């Protein structure tokens, strides 16, 4: 496994991928860790298979290539030949047009994409897989924490002292109430940027408060809490508007209906979280691509989306 850059064909945009070796780590936080929440335990030894992870969070350039069909538009304008994969990628369902500026004036381009649902983040991964011919998906919680820790056992990947956080992360104390371009702070020991702060990141899992206690003997092998309910689902790493304790390597956060509070549509959108201004994602690619059955039974399994109208609103 080596680092590589995945060019999104018919654009100049690349996603830099970092190899993450197989290994074991202790997932969760000890009772003594400052800021710890109960859903971070009990500690369990967890085994992880090798994968690549994006060096940075998915930015607007990359995300809107999918969302706005800009690769297809550019290909047609320049009369470039399509690849054998393009018809498959073009057929992947893309988001409906946003009903407002989903960057909320904070900037696009190389700034991290935000305000998407987990469904939308997974849709991007499906499109990227079709576009490139390589299998991409969201990380599991376990993969994300393993990569974030990068061999460390401390509260953060750089140690336990939150006073150093400003060197590695954008968060409530230094962000000036907005996100920043990806990759500007120091990386973690495995070369991953913004694992703490800037934007929190979607993972595949349902948020199950005591999921760590379900493995026999407190050991687990590539665990995944398959999402079978719309809420809550997990984001990791904390964002530009969060406090240091929410940026710890073990910290977990679950999505909720309030992330759509300003959504003017009825029924509310399956693509956008209008009020999740510090939620984005990054992609991973497993070394061994799963079979189609493994994808449908585990890695891509989810219940059909059921979006209910906001409380007090008549759907009729």
C-alpha atoms as a PDB file:
ATOM      1  CA  UNK A   1       0.000   0.000   0.000  1.00  0.00           C
ATOM      2  CA  UNK A   2       1.319   3.410  -0.989  1.00  0.00           C
ATOM      3  CA  UNK A   3      -0.098   6.941  -0.907  1.00  0.00           C
ATOM      4  CA  UNK A   4      -1.809   7.954  -4.144  1.00  0.00           C
ATOM      5  CA  UNK A   5      -3.920  10.749  -5.601  1.00  0.00           C
ATOM      6  CA  UNK A   6      -7.309   9.874  -7.097  1.00  0.00           C
ATOM      7  CA  UNK A   7      -7.979  12.189 -10.049  1.00  0.00           C
ATOM      8  CA  UNK A   8     -11.652  12.869 -10.637  1.00  0.00           C
ATOM      9  CA  UNK A   9     -11.717  12.476 -14.406  1.00  0.00           C
ATOM     10  CA  UNK A  10     -12.839  15.438 -16.538  1.00  0.00           C
ATOM     11  CA  UNK A  11     -11.779  17.784 -13.736  1.00  0.00           C
ATOM     12  CA  UNK A  12      -8.506  18.972 -12.225  1.00  0.00           C
ATOM     13  CA  UNK A  13      -9.540  17.857  -8.731  1.00  0.00           C
ATOM     14  CA  UNK A  14      -7.732  15.106  -6.833  1.00  0.00           C
ATOM     15  CA  UNK A  15      -8.363  13.266  -3.580  1.00  0.00           C
ATOM     16  CA  UNK A  16      -5.104  12.380  -1.824  1.00  0.00           C
ATOM     17  CA  UNK A  17      -5.284   8.966  -0.156  1.00  0.00           C
ATOM     18  CA  UNK A  18      -3.104   7.800   2.751  1.00  0.00           C
ATOM     19  CA  UNK A  19      -2.476   4.094   3.527  1.00  0.00           C
ATOM     20  CA  UNK A  20      -3.642   2.997   6.987  1.00  0.00           C
ATOM     21  CA  UNK A  21      -2.046  -0.303   8.078  1.00  0.00           C
ATOM     22  CA  UNK A  22      -3.959  -3.162   9.663  1.00  0.00           C
ATOM     23  CA  UNK A  23      -3.684  -3.364  13.431  1.00  0.00           C
ATOM     24  CA  UNK A  24      -5.299  -3.458  16.838  1.00  0.00           C
ATOM     25  CA  UNK A  25      -6.111  -0.643  19.217  1.00  0.00           C
ATOM     26  CA  UNK A  26      -8.143   0.021  22.338  1.00  0.00           C
ATOM     27  CA  UNK A  27     -11.313   1.801  21.233  1.00  0.00           C
ATOM     28  CA  UNK A  28     -13.049   4.258  23.540  1.00  0.00           C
ATOM     29  CA  UNK A  29     -11.799   6.323  26.465  1.00  0.00           C
ATOM     30  CA  UNK A  30     -10.809   5.426  30.039  1.00  0.00           C
ATOM     31  CA  UNK A  31     -12.893   6.601  32.982  1.00  0.00           C
ATOM     32  CA  UNK A  32     -10.112   9.033  33.891  1.00  0.00           C
ATOM     33  CA  UNK A  33     -10.145  10.974  30.592  1.00  0.00           C
ATOM     34  CA  UNK A  34     -11.292  14.561  31.056  1.00  0.00           C
ATOM     35  CA  UNK A  35     -14.504  15.332  29.177  1.00  0.00           C
ATOM     36  CA  UNK A  36     -15.368  11.658  28.701  1.00  0.00           C
ATOM     37  CA  UNK A  37     -18.964  10.628  27.941  1.00  0.00           C
ATOM     38  CA  UNK A  38     -20.567   7.342  28.950  1.00  0.00           C
ATOM     39  CA  UNK A  39     -21.088   6.266  25.327  1.00  0.00           C
ATOM     40  CA  UNK A  40     -17.292   6.026  24.914  1.00  0.00           C
ATOM     41  CA  UNK A  41     -17.047   2.834  26.908  1.00  0.00           C
ATOM     42  CA  UNK A  42     -16.390   0.237  27.992  1.00  0.00           C
ATOM     43  CA  UNK A  43     -12.928   0.049  26.447  1.00  0.00           C
ATOM     44  CA  UNK A  44     -12.557  -2.746  23.915  1.00  0.00           C
ATOM     45  CA  UNK A  45      -9.705  -4.177  21.899  1.00  0.00           C
ATOM     46  CA  UNK A  46     -10.538  -3.699  18.239  1.00  0.00           C
ATOM     47  CA  UNK A  47      -8.931  -5.190  15.135  1.00  0.00           C
ATOM     48  CA  UNK A  48      -8.933  -3.226  11.895  1.00  0.00           C
ATOM     49  CA  UNK A  49      -8.169  -4.393   8.351  1.00  0.00           C
ATOM     50  CA  UNK A  50      -5.994  -2.166   6.129  1.00  0.00           C
ATOM     51  CA  UNK A  51      -7.503   0.688   4.137  1.00  0.00           C
ATOM     52  CA  UNK A  52      -6.708   4.028   2.581  1.00  0.00           C
ATOM     53  CA  UNK A  53      -8.196   7.215   4.027  1.00  0.00           C
ATOM     54  CA  UNK A  54      -8.474  10.632   2.392  1.00  0.00           C
ATOM     55  CA  UNK A  55      -5.760  12.953   3.664  1.00  0.00           C
ATOM     56  CA  UNK A  56      -8.321  15.760   4.022  1.00  0.00           C
ATOM     57  CA  UNK A  57     -12.045  16.221   4.347  1.00  0.00           C
ATOM     58  CA  UNK A  58     -14.015  16.269   1.079  1.00  0.00           C
ATOM     59  CA  UNK A  59     -14.060  19.860  -0.148  1.00  0.00           C
ATOM     60  CA  UNK A  60     -16.636  21.775  -2.160  1.00  0.00           C
ATOM     61  CA  UNK A  61     -14.722  21.407  -5.445  1.00  0.00           C
ATOM     62  CA  UNK A  62     -14.889  17.635  -5.141  1.00  0.00           C
ATOM     63  CA  UNK A  63     -18.387  17.438  -3.710  1.00  0.00           C
ATOM     64  CA  UNK A  64     -20.026  19.740  -6.254  1.00  0.00           C
ATOM     65  CA  UNK A  65     -18.470  17.819  -9.133  1.00  0.00           C
ATOM     66  CA  UNK A  66     -20.963  15.141  -8.145  1.00  0.00           C
ATOM     67  CA  UNK A  67     -23.807  17.338  -6.952  1.00  0.00           C
ATOM     68  CA  UNK A  68     -23.815  19.706  -9.928  1.00  0.00           C
ATOM     69  CA  UNK A  69     -22.833  17.234 -12.717  1.00  0.00           C
ATOM     70  CA  UNK A  70     -19.861  19.508 -13.459  1.00  0.00           C
ATOM     71  CA  UNK A  71     -17.716  16.618 -14.701  1.00  0.00           C
ATOM     72  CA  UNK A  72     -20.369  15.678 -17.257  1.00  0.00           C
ATOM     73  CA  UNK A  73     -20.953  19.305 -18.261  1.00  0.00           C
ATOM     74  CA  UNK A  74     -17.225  19.919 -18.750  1.00  0.00           C
ATOM     75  CA  UNK A  75     -16.826  16.683 -20.711  1.00  0.00           C
ATOM     76  CA  UNK A  76     -19.623  17.675 -23.085  1.00  0.00           C
ATOM     77  CA  UNK A  77     -18.458  21.287 -23.491  1.00  0.00           C
ATOM     78  CA  UNK A  78     -14.908  20.209 -24.339  1.00  0.00           C
ATOM     79  CA  UNK A  79     -16.186  17.306 -26.458  1.00  0.00           C
ATOM     80  CA  UNK A  80     -14.018  14.856 -24.528  1.00  0.00           C
ATOM     81  CA  UNK A  81     -14.556  11.134 -24.945  1.00  0.00           C
ATOM     82  CA  UNK A  82     -16.363   9.478 -22.067  1.00  0.00           C
ATOM     83  CA  UNK A  83     -14.758   6.532 -20.311  1.00  0.00           C
ATOM     84  CA  UNK A  84     -16.440   3.154 -19.966  1.00  0.00           C
ATOM     85  CA  UNK A  85     -17.251   4.160 -16.367  1.00  0.00           C
ATOM     86  CA  UNK A  86     -18.867   7.516 -17.134  1.00  0.00           C
ATOM     87  CA  UNK A  87     -22.336   6.187 -18.078  1.00  0.00           C
ATOM     88  CA  UNK A  88     -22.427   4.253 -14.776  1.00  0.00           C
ATOM     89  CA  UNK A  89     -21.330   7.311 -12.793  1.00  0.00           C
ATOM     90  CA  UNK A  90     -23.763   9.586 -14.636  1.00  0.00           C
ATOM     91  CA  UNK A  91     -26.595   7.243 -13.657  1.00  0.00           C
ATOM     92  CA  UNK A  92     -25.904   7.579  -9.921  1.00  0.00           C
ATOM     93  CA  UNK A  93     -28.634   9.643  -8.266  1.00  0.00           C
ATOM     94  CA  UNK A  94     -27.443  13.131  -7.359  1.00  0.00           C
ATOM     95  CA  UNK A  95     -28.867  15.652  -4.899  1.00  0.00           C
ATOM     96  CA  UNK A  96     -31.736  17.927  -5.773  1.00  0.00           C
ATOM     97  CA  UNK A  97     -30.674  21.580  -6.179  1.00  0.00           C
ATOM     98  CA  UNK A  98     -30.039  23.170  -2.767  1.00  0.00           C
ATOM     99  CA  UNK A  99     -32.626  25.670  -1.574  1.00  0.00           C
ATOM    100  CA  UNK A 100     -29.998  28.048  -0.184  1.00  0.00           C
ATOM    101  CA  UNK A 101     -26.236  28.535  -0.191  1.00  0.00           C
ATOM    102  CA  UNK A 102     -25.183  25.476   1.792  1.00  0.00           C
ATOM    103  CA  UNK A 103     -21.832  27.070   2.634  1.00  0.00           C
ATOM    104  CA  UNK A 104     -23.733  29.883   4.360  1.00  0.00           C
ATOM    105  CA  UNK A 105     -21.238  32.411   3.083  1.00  0.00           C
ATOM    106  CA  UNK A 106     -18.200  30.739   4.641  1.00  0.00           C
ATOM    107  CA  UNK A 107     -16.564  29.877   1.325  1.00  0.00           C
ATOM    108  CA  UNK A 108     -16.426  27.039  -1.189  1.00  0.00           C
ATOM    109  CA  UNK A 109     -13.596  25.740  -3.376  1.00  0.00           C
ATOM    110  CA  UNK A 110     -11.060  24.132  -1.016  1.00  0.00           C
ATOM    111  CA  UNK A 111     -13.218  24.661   2.051  1.00  0.00           C
ATOM    112  CA  UNK A 112     -14.839  21.485   3.438  1.00  0.00           C
ATOM    113  CA  UNK A 113     -18.261  20.587   2.078  1.00  0.00           C
ATOM    114  CA  UNK A 114     -20.928  20.718   4.794  1.00  0.00           C
ATOM    115  CA  UNK A 115     -24.633  20.354   5.534  1.00  0.00           C
ATOM    116  CA  UNK A 116     -25.103  17.034   3.739  1.00  0.00           C
ATOM    117  CA  UNK A 117     -26.992  14.103   5.265  1.00  0.00           C
ATOM    118  CA  UNK A 118     -25.276  10.766   5.775  1.00  0.00           C
ATOM    119  CA  UNK A 119     -27.370   9.572   2.819  1.00  0.00           C
ATOM    120  CA  UNK A 120     -25.810  12.271   0.632  1.00  0.00           C
ATOM    121  CA  UNK A 121     -22.280  11.467   1.828  1.00  0.00           C
ATOM    122  CA  UNK A 122     -22.877   7.822   0.981  1.00  0.00           C
ATOM    123  CA  UNK A 123     -24.238   8.878  -2.410  1.00  0.00           C
ATOM    124  CA  UNK A 124     -20.998  10.736  -3.138  1.00  0.00           C
ATOM    125  CA  UNK A 125     -19.050   7.583  -2.272  1.00  0.00           C
ATOM    126  CA  UNK A 126     -21.212   5.506  -4.618  1.00  0.00           C
ATOM    127  CA  UNK A 127     -20.642   8.008  -7.428  1.00  0.00           C
ATOM    128  CA  UNK A 128     -16.886   8.191  -6.745  1.00  0.00           C
ATOM    129  CA  UNK A 129     -16.684   4.392  -6.878  1.00  0.00           C
ATOM    130  CA  UNK A 130     -18.468   4.338 -10.231  1.00  0.00           C
ATOM    131  CA  UNK A 131     -16.393   7.236 -11.556  1.00  0.00           C
ATOM    132  CA  UNK A 132     -13.028   5.725 -10.629  1.00  0.00           C
ATOM    133  CA  UNK A 133     -13.622   1.981 -10.738  1.00  0.00           C
ATOM    134  CA  UNK A 134     -12.302   1.693  -7.161  1.00  0.00           C
ATOM    135  CA  UNK A 135     -14.497   1.056  -4.143  1.00  0.00           C
ATOM    136  CA  UNK A 136     -14.958   4.034  -1.819  1.00  0.00           C
ATOM    137  CA  UNK A 137     -17.209   4.405   1.223  1.00  0.00           C
ATOM    138  CA  UNK A 138     -17.484   6.207   4.529  1.00  0.00           C
ATOM    139  CA  UNK A 139     -15.277   4.892   7.347  1.00  0.00           C
ATOM    140  CA  UNK A 140     -16.746   2.954  10.219  1.00  0.00           C
ATOM    141  CA  UNK A 141     -16.519   4.488  13.679  1.00  0.00           C
ATOM    142  CA  UNK A 142     -13.773   2.026  14.520  1.00  0.00           C
ATOM    143  CA  UNK A 143     -11.761   2.788  11.390  1.00  0.00           C
ATOM    144  CA  UNK A 144     -12.153   6.511  11.989  1.00  0.00           C
ATOM    145  CA  UNK A 145     -10.949   6.369  15.607  1.00  0.00           C
ATOM    146  CA  UNK A 146      -8.091   4.015  14.702  1.00  0.00           C
ATOM    147  CA  UNK A 147      -6.912   6.407  11.990  1.00  0.00           C
ATOM    148  CA  UNK A 148      -7.411   9.457  14.199  1.00  0.00           C
ATOM    149  CA  UNK A 149      -5.382   7.988  17.048  1.00  0.00           C
ATOM    150  CA  UNK A 150      -2.613   6.896  14.665  1.00  0.00           C
ATOM    151  CA  UNK A 151      -1.070   4.668  17.303  1.00  0.00           C
ATOM    152  CA  UNK A 152      -1.623   7.033  20.238  1.00  0.00           C
ATOM    153  CA  UNK A 153      -3.608   6.360  23.422  1.00  0.00           C
ATOM    154  CA  UNK A 154      -4.028   9.961  24.576  1.00  0.00           C
ATOM    155  CA  UNK A 155      -7.134  12.143  24.457  1.00  0.00           C
ATOM    156  CA  UNK A 156      -5.916  13.720  21.200  1.00  0.00           C
ATOM    157  CA  UNK A 157      -3.536  12.382  18.570  1.00  0.00           C
ATOM    158  CA  UNK A 158      -0.885  14.839  19.827  1.00  0.00           C
ATOM    159  CA  UNK A 159      -1.304  14.188  23.569  1.00  0.00           C
ATOM    160  CA  UNK A 160      -3.602  15.066  26.457  1.00  0.00           C
ATOM    161  CA  UNK A 161      -3.015  18.803  26.677  1.00  0.00           C
ATOM    162  CA  UNK A 162      -5.876  20.745  25.005  1.00  0.00           C
ATOM    163  CA  UNK A 163      -3.766  23.917  25.082  1.00  0.00           C
ATOM    164  CA  UNK A 164      -1.923  22.506  22.036  1.00  0.00           C
ATOM    165  CA  UNK A 165      -5.154  22.019  20.093  1.00  0.00           C
ATOM    166  CA  UNK A 166      -4.797  25.263  18.152  1.00  0.00           C
ATOM    167  CA  UNK A 167      -1.792  23.827  16.313  1.00  0.00           C
ATOM    168  CA  UNK A 168      -3.846  20.934  14.961  1.00  0.00           C
ATOM    169  CA  UNK A 169      -7.473  22.042  14.779  1.00  0.00           C
ATOM    170  CA  UNK A 170      -9.995  24.762  14.041  1.00  0.00           C
ATOM    171  CA  UNK A 171     -12.505  24.848  16.888  1.00  0.00           C
ATOM    172  CA  UNK A 172     -14.571  27.265  18.974  1.00  0.00           C
ATOM    173  CA  UNK A 173     -11.554  29.085  20.432  1.00  0.00           C
ATOM    174  CA  UNK A 174      -9.763  29.950  17.166  1.00  0.00           C
ATOM    175  CA  UNK A 175     -12.135  29.509  14.209  1.00  0.00           C
ATOM    176  CA  UNK A 176     -13.702  33.015  14.177  1.00  0.00           C
ATOM    177  CA  UNK A 177     -17.078  31.273  13.886  1.00  0.00           C
ATOM    178  CA  UNK A 178     -16.422  29.653  10.491  1.00  0.00           C
ATOM    179  CA  UNK A 179     -14.688  26.695   8.921  1.00  0.00           C
ATOM    180  CA  UNK A 180     -11.335  27.026   7.133  1.00  0.00           C
ATOM    181  CA  UNK A 181      -9.696  25.526   4.039  1.00  0.00           C
ATOM    182  CA  UNK A 182      -8.721  21.911   4.551  1.00  0.00           C
ATOM    183  CA  UNK A 183      -5.180  20.921   5.468  1.00  0.00           C
ATOM    184  CA  UNK A 184      -3.926  24.167   7.023  1.00  0.00           C
ATOM    185  CA  UNK A 185      -3.150  22.815  10.507  1.00  0.00           C
ATOM    186  CA  UNK A 186      -0.630  20.167  11.544  1.00  0.00           C
ATOM    187  CA  UNK A 187      -1.476  16.559  10.571  1.00  0.00           C
ATOM    188  CA  UNK A 188      -1.688  13.620  12.939  1.00  0.00           C
ATOM    189  CA  UNK A 189       1.184  11.063  13.066  1.00  0.00           C
ATOM    190  CA  UNK A 190      -0.210   9.202  10.032  1.00  0.00           C
ATOM    191  CA  UNK A 191      -0.423  12.324   7.863  1.00  0.00           C
ATOM    192  CA  UNK A 192      -4.175  12.972   8.161  1.00  0.00           C
ATOM    193  CA  UNK A 193      -5.338  16.583   8.440  1.00  0.00           C
ATOM    194  CA  UNK A 194      -8.291  18.023  10.376  1.00  0.00           C
ATOM    195  CA  UNK A 195      -9.147  14.783  12.164  1.00  0.00           C
ATOM    196  CA  UNK A 196      -9.730  17.084  15.133  1.00  0.00           C
ATOM    197  CA  UNK A 197     -11.987  20.017  14.316  1.00  0.00           C
ATOM    198  CA  UNK A 198     -12.766  22.071  11.189  1.00  0.00           C
ATOM    199  CA  UNK A 199     -15.796  19.895  10.440  1.00  0.00           C
ATOM    200  CA  UNK A 200     -17.113  16.799  12.184  1.00  0.00           C
ATOM    201  CA  UNK A 201     -17.209  13.783   9.893  1.00  0.00           C
ATOM    202  CA  UNK A 202     -19.889  11.275   9.007  1.00  0.00           C
ATOM    203  CA  UNK A 203     -19.112   7.610   9.610  1.00  0.00           C
ATOM    204  CA  UNK A 204     -21.224   4.589   8.647  1.00  0.00           C
ATOM    205  CA  UNK A 205     -22.547   3.705  12.092  1.00  0.00           C
ATOM    206  CA  UNK A 206     -25.825   4.093  13.885  1.00  0.00           C
ATOM    207  CA  UNK A 207     -25.226   5.856  17.197  1.00  0.00           C
ATOM    208  CA  UNK A 208     -25.803   3.068  19.738  1.00  0.00           C
ATOM    209  CA  UNK A 209     -24.949   4.351  23.248  1.00  0.00           C
ATOM    210  CA  UNK A 210     -23.656   1.046  24.615  1.00  0.00           C
ATOM    211  CA  UNK A 211     -22.525  -0.592  21.373  1.00  0.00           C
ATOM    212  CA  UNK A 212     -19.014  -1.027  22.783  1.00  0.00           C
ATOM    213  CA  UNK A 213     -20.376  -3.434  25.394  1.00  0.00           C
ATOM    214  CA  UNK A 214     -21.940  -5.812  22.847  1.00  0.00           C
ATOM    215  CA  UNK A 215     -18.763  -7.581  21.737  1.00  0.00           C
ATOM    216  CA  UNK A 216     -17.871 -10.854  23.448  1.00  0.00           C
ATOM    217  CA  UNK A 217     -15.014 -10.360  25.872  1.00  0.00           C
ATOM    218  CA  UNK A 218     -14.769  -6.680  24.937  1.00  0.00           C
ATOM    219  CA  UNK A 219     -13.032  -7.573  21.663  1.00  0.00           C
ATOM    220  CA  UNK A 220     -14.180  -6.728  18.171  1.00  0.00           C
ATOM    221  CA  UNK A 221     -13.100  -7.278  14.581  1.00  0.00           C
ATOM    222  CA  UNK A 222     -14.028  -4.498  12.112  1.00  0.00           C
ATOM    223  CA  UNK A 223     -17.207  -3.632  14.055  1.00  0.00           C
ATOM    224  CA  UNK A 224     -20.084  -1.721  12.480  1.00  0.00           C
ATOM    225  CA  UNK A 225     -23.440  -0.711  13.950  1.00  0.00           C
ATOM    226  CA  UNK A 226     -25.451  -0.954  10.708  1.00  0.00           C
ATOM    227  CA  UNK A 227     -27.770   2.093  10.533  1.00  0.00           C
ATOM    228  CA  UNK A 228     -31.372   0.919  10.691  1.00  0.00           C
ATOM    229  CA  UNK A 229     -32.914   4.171  11.949  1.00  0.00           C
ATOM    230  CA  UNK A 230     -32.618   7.651  10.497  1.00  0.00           C
ATOM    231  CA  UNK A 231     -31.561   9.163  13.833  1.00  0.00           C
ATOM    232  CA  UNK A 232     -29.145   9.207  15.484  1.00  0.00           C
ATOM    233  CA  UNK A 233     -26.209   8.381  13.213  1.00  0.00           C
ATOM    234  CA  UNK A 234     -22.609   9.088  14.154  1.00  0.00           C
ATOM    235  CA  UNK A 235     -20.270  11.936  13.307  1.00  0.00           C
ATOM    236  CA  UNK A 236     -16.730  12.092  14.672  1.00  0.00           C
ATOM    237  CA  UNK A 237     -13.954  14.600  15.327  1.00  0.00           C
ATOM    238  CA  UNK A 238     -15.873  17.729  16.254  1.00  0.00           C
ATOM    239  CA  UNK A 239     -16.097  20.913  14.225  1.00  0.00           C
ATOM    240  CA  UNK A 240     -15.185  24.588  14.102  1.00  0.00           C
ATOM    241  CA  UNK A 241     -17.954  25.473  16.581  1.00  0.00           C
ATOM    242  CA  UNK A 242     -17.186  22.795  19.197  1.00  0.00           C
ATOM    243  CA  UNK A 243     -15.282  22.785  22.466  1.00  0.00           C
ATOM    244  CA  UNK A 244     -12.035  20.813  22.990  1.00  0.00           C
ATOM    245  CA  UNK A 245     -13.748  17.905  24.759  1.00  0.00           C
ATOM    246  CA  UNK A 246     -15.838  17.280  21.622  1.00  0.00           C
ATOM    247  CA  UNK A 247     -12.687  17.022  19.495  1.00  0.00           C
ATOM    248  CA  UNK A 248     -11.103  14.148  21.439  1.00  0.00           C
ATOM    249  CA  UNK A 249     -10.218  10.979  19.519  1.00  0.00           C
ATOM    250  CA  UNK A 250     -12.902   8.958  21.342  1.00  0.00           C
ATOM    251  CA  UNK A 251     -15.665  11.602  21.342  1.00  0.00           C
ATOM    252  CA  UNK A 252     -18.925  10.585  19.646  1.00  0.00           C
ATOM    253  CA  UNK A 253     -21.843  12.686  18.431  1.00  0.00           C
ATOM    254  CA  UNK A 254     -25.233  11.559  17.150  1.00  0.00           C
ATOM    255  CA  UNK A 255     -27.326  13.337  14.526  1.00  0.00           C
ATOM    256  CA  UNK A 256     -30.848  14.518  15.357  1.00  0.00           C
ATOM    257  CA  UNK A 257     -33.944  16.107  13.822  1.00  0.00           C
ATOM    258  CA  UNK A 258     -32.843  19.603  14.865  1.00  0.00           C
ATOM    259  CA  UNK A 259     -30.215  19.469  12.132  1.00  0.00           C
ATOM    260  CA  UNK A 260     -33.115  20.124   9.718  1.00  0.00           C
ATOM    261  CA  UNK A 261     -34.835  22.826  11.753  1.00  0.00           C
ATOM    262  CA  UNK A 262     -34.669  25.492   9.013  1.00  0.00           C
ATOM    263  CA  UNK A 263     -35.511  23.133   6.146  1.00  0.00           C
ATOM    264  CA  UNK A 264     -38.304  24.887   4.184  1.00  0.00           C
ATOM    265  CA  UNK A 265     -39.278  21.842   2.127  1.00  0.00           C
ATOM    266  CA  UNK A 266     -42.125  19.446   2.836  1.00  0.00           C
ATOM    267  CA  UNK A 267     -41.341  16.656   3.106  1.00  0.00           C
ATOM    268  CA  UNK A 268     -37.898  17.686   4.307  1.00  0.00           C
ATOM    269  CA  UNK A 269     -34.935  16.890   2.085  1.00  0.00           C
ATOM    270  CA  UNK A 270     -33.099  13.567   2.173  1.00  0.00           C
ATOM    271  CA  UNK A 271     -29.955  15.371   0.974  1.00  0.00           C
ATOM    272  CA  UNK A 272     -29.413  18.389   3.229  1.00  0.00           C
ATOM    273  CA  UNK A 273     -29.040  19.226   6.923  1.00  0.00           C
ATOM    274  CA  UNK A 274     -29.645  22.963   6.905  1.00  0.00           C
ATOM    275  CA  UNK A 275     -28.489  23.352  10.519  1.00  0.00           C
ATOM    276  CA  UNK A 276     -25.415  21.088  10.441  1.00  0.00           C
ATOM    277  CA  UNK A 277     -22.943  23.818   9.516  1.00  0.00           C
ATOM    278  CA  UNK A 278     -20.004  21.945  11.005  1.00  0.00           C
ATOM    279  CA  UNK A 279     -20.688  18.466   9.582  1.00  0.00           C
ATOM    280  CA  UNK A 280     -18.838  17.050   6.566  1.00  0.00           C
ATOM    281  CA  UNK A 281     -17.037  13.782   5.743  1.00  0.00           C
ATOM    282  CA  UNK A 282     -13.994  12.068   4.257  1.00  0.00           C
ATOM    283  CA  UNK A 283     -13.764   8.818   2.291  1.00  0.00           C
ATOM    284  CA  UNK A 284     -11.941   5.527   2.731  1.00  0.00           C
ATOM    285  CA  UNK A 285     -11.043   2.685   0.386  1.00  0.00           C
ATOM    286  CA  UNK A 286     -10.525  -0.825   1.825  1.00  0.00           C
ATOM    287  CA  UNK A 287      -7.474  -2.716   0.586  1.00  0.00           C
ATOM    288  CA  UNK A 288      -9.667  -5.719  -0.224  1.00  0.00           C
ATOM    289  CA  UNK A 289     -12.878  -4.770  -1.996  1.00  0.00           C
ATOM    290  CA  UNK A 290     -15.843  -6.634  -0.472  1.00  0.00           C
ATOM    291  CA  UNK A 291     -18.072  -8.882  -2.560  1.00  0.00           C
ATOM    292  CA  UNK A 292     -21.405  -7.580  -3.789  1.00  0.00           C
ATOM    293  CA  UNK A 293     -23.124  -9.659  -1.104  1.00  0.00           C
ATOM    294  CA  UNK A 294     -20.859  -8.227   1.615  1.00  0.00           C
ATOM    295  CA  UNK A 295     -21.648  -4.729   0.372  1.00  0.00           C
ATOM    296  CA  UNK A 296     -25.398  -5.267   0.476  1.00  0.00           C
ATOM    297  CA  UNK A 297     -25.362  -7.209   3.767  1.00  0.00           C
ATOM    298  CA  UNK A 298     -23.020  -4.883   5.686  1.00  0.00           C
ATOM    299  CA  UNK A 299     -21.165  -1.974   4.143  1.00  0.00           C
ATOM    300  CA  UNK A 300     -24.031  -0.454   2.185  1.00  0.00           C
ATOM    301  CA  UNK A 301     -26.984  -1.746   4.167  1.00  0.00           C
ATOM    302  CA  UNK A 302     -29.424   0.798   5.541  1.00  0.00           C
ATOM    303  CA  UNK A 303     -33.161   1.066   6.029  1.00  0.00           C
ATOM    304  CA  UNK A 304     -35.192   3.125   3.510  1.00  0.00           C
ATOM    305  CA  UNK A 305     -35.207   6.799   4.428  1.00  0.00           C
ATOM    306  CA  UNK A 306     -38.366   8.041   6.078  1.00  0.00           C
ATOM    307  CA  UNK A 307     -38.391  11.817   6.435  1.00  0.00           C
ATOM    308  CA  UNK A 308     -41.230  13.026   8.619  1.00  0.00           C
ATOM    309  CA  UNK A 309     -42.435  16.656   8.586  1.00  0.00           C
ATOM    310  CA  UNK A 310     -41.288  18.892  11.452  1.00  0.00           C
ATOM    311  CA  UNK A 311     -43.291  18.690  14.654  1.00  0.00           C
ATOM    312  CA  UNK A 312     -46.517  20.663  14.401  1.00  0.00           C
ATOM    313  CA  UNK A 313     -46.571  20.714  10.587  1.00  0.00           C
ATOM    314  CA  UNK A 314     -49.406  18.959   8.765  1.00  0.00           C
ATOM    315  CA  UNK A 315     -48.115  16.801   5.919  1.00  0.00           C
ATOM    316  CA  UNK A 316     -51.475  16.833   4.109  1.00  0.00           C
END
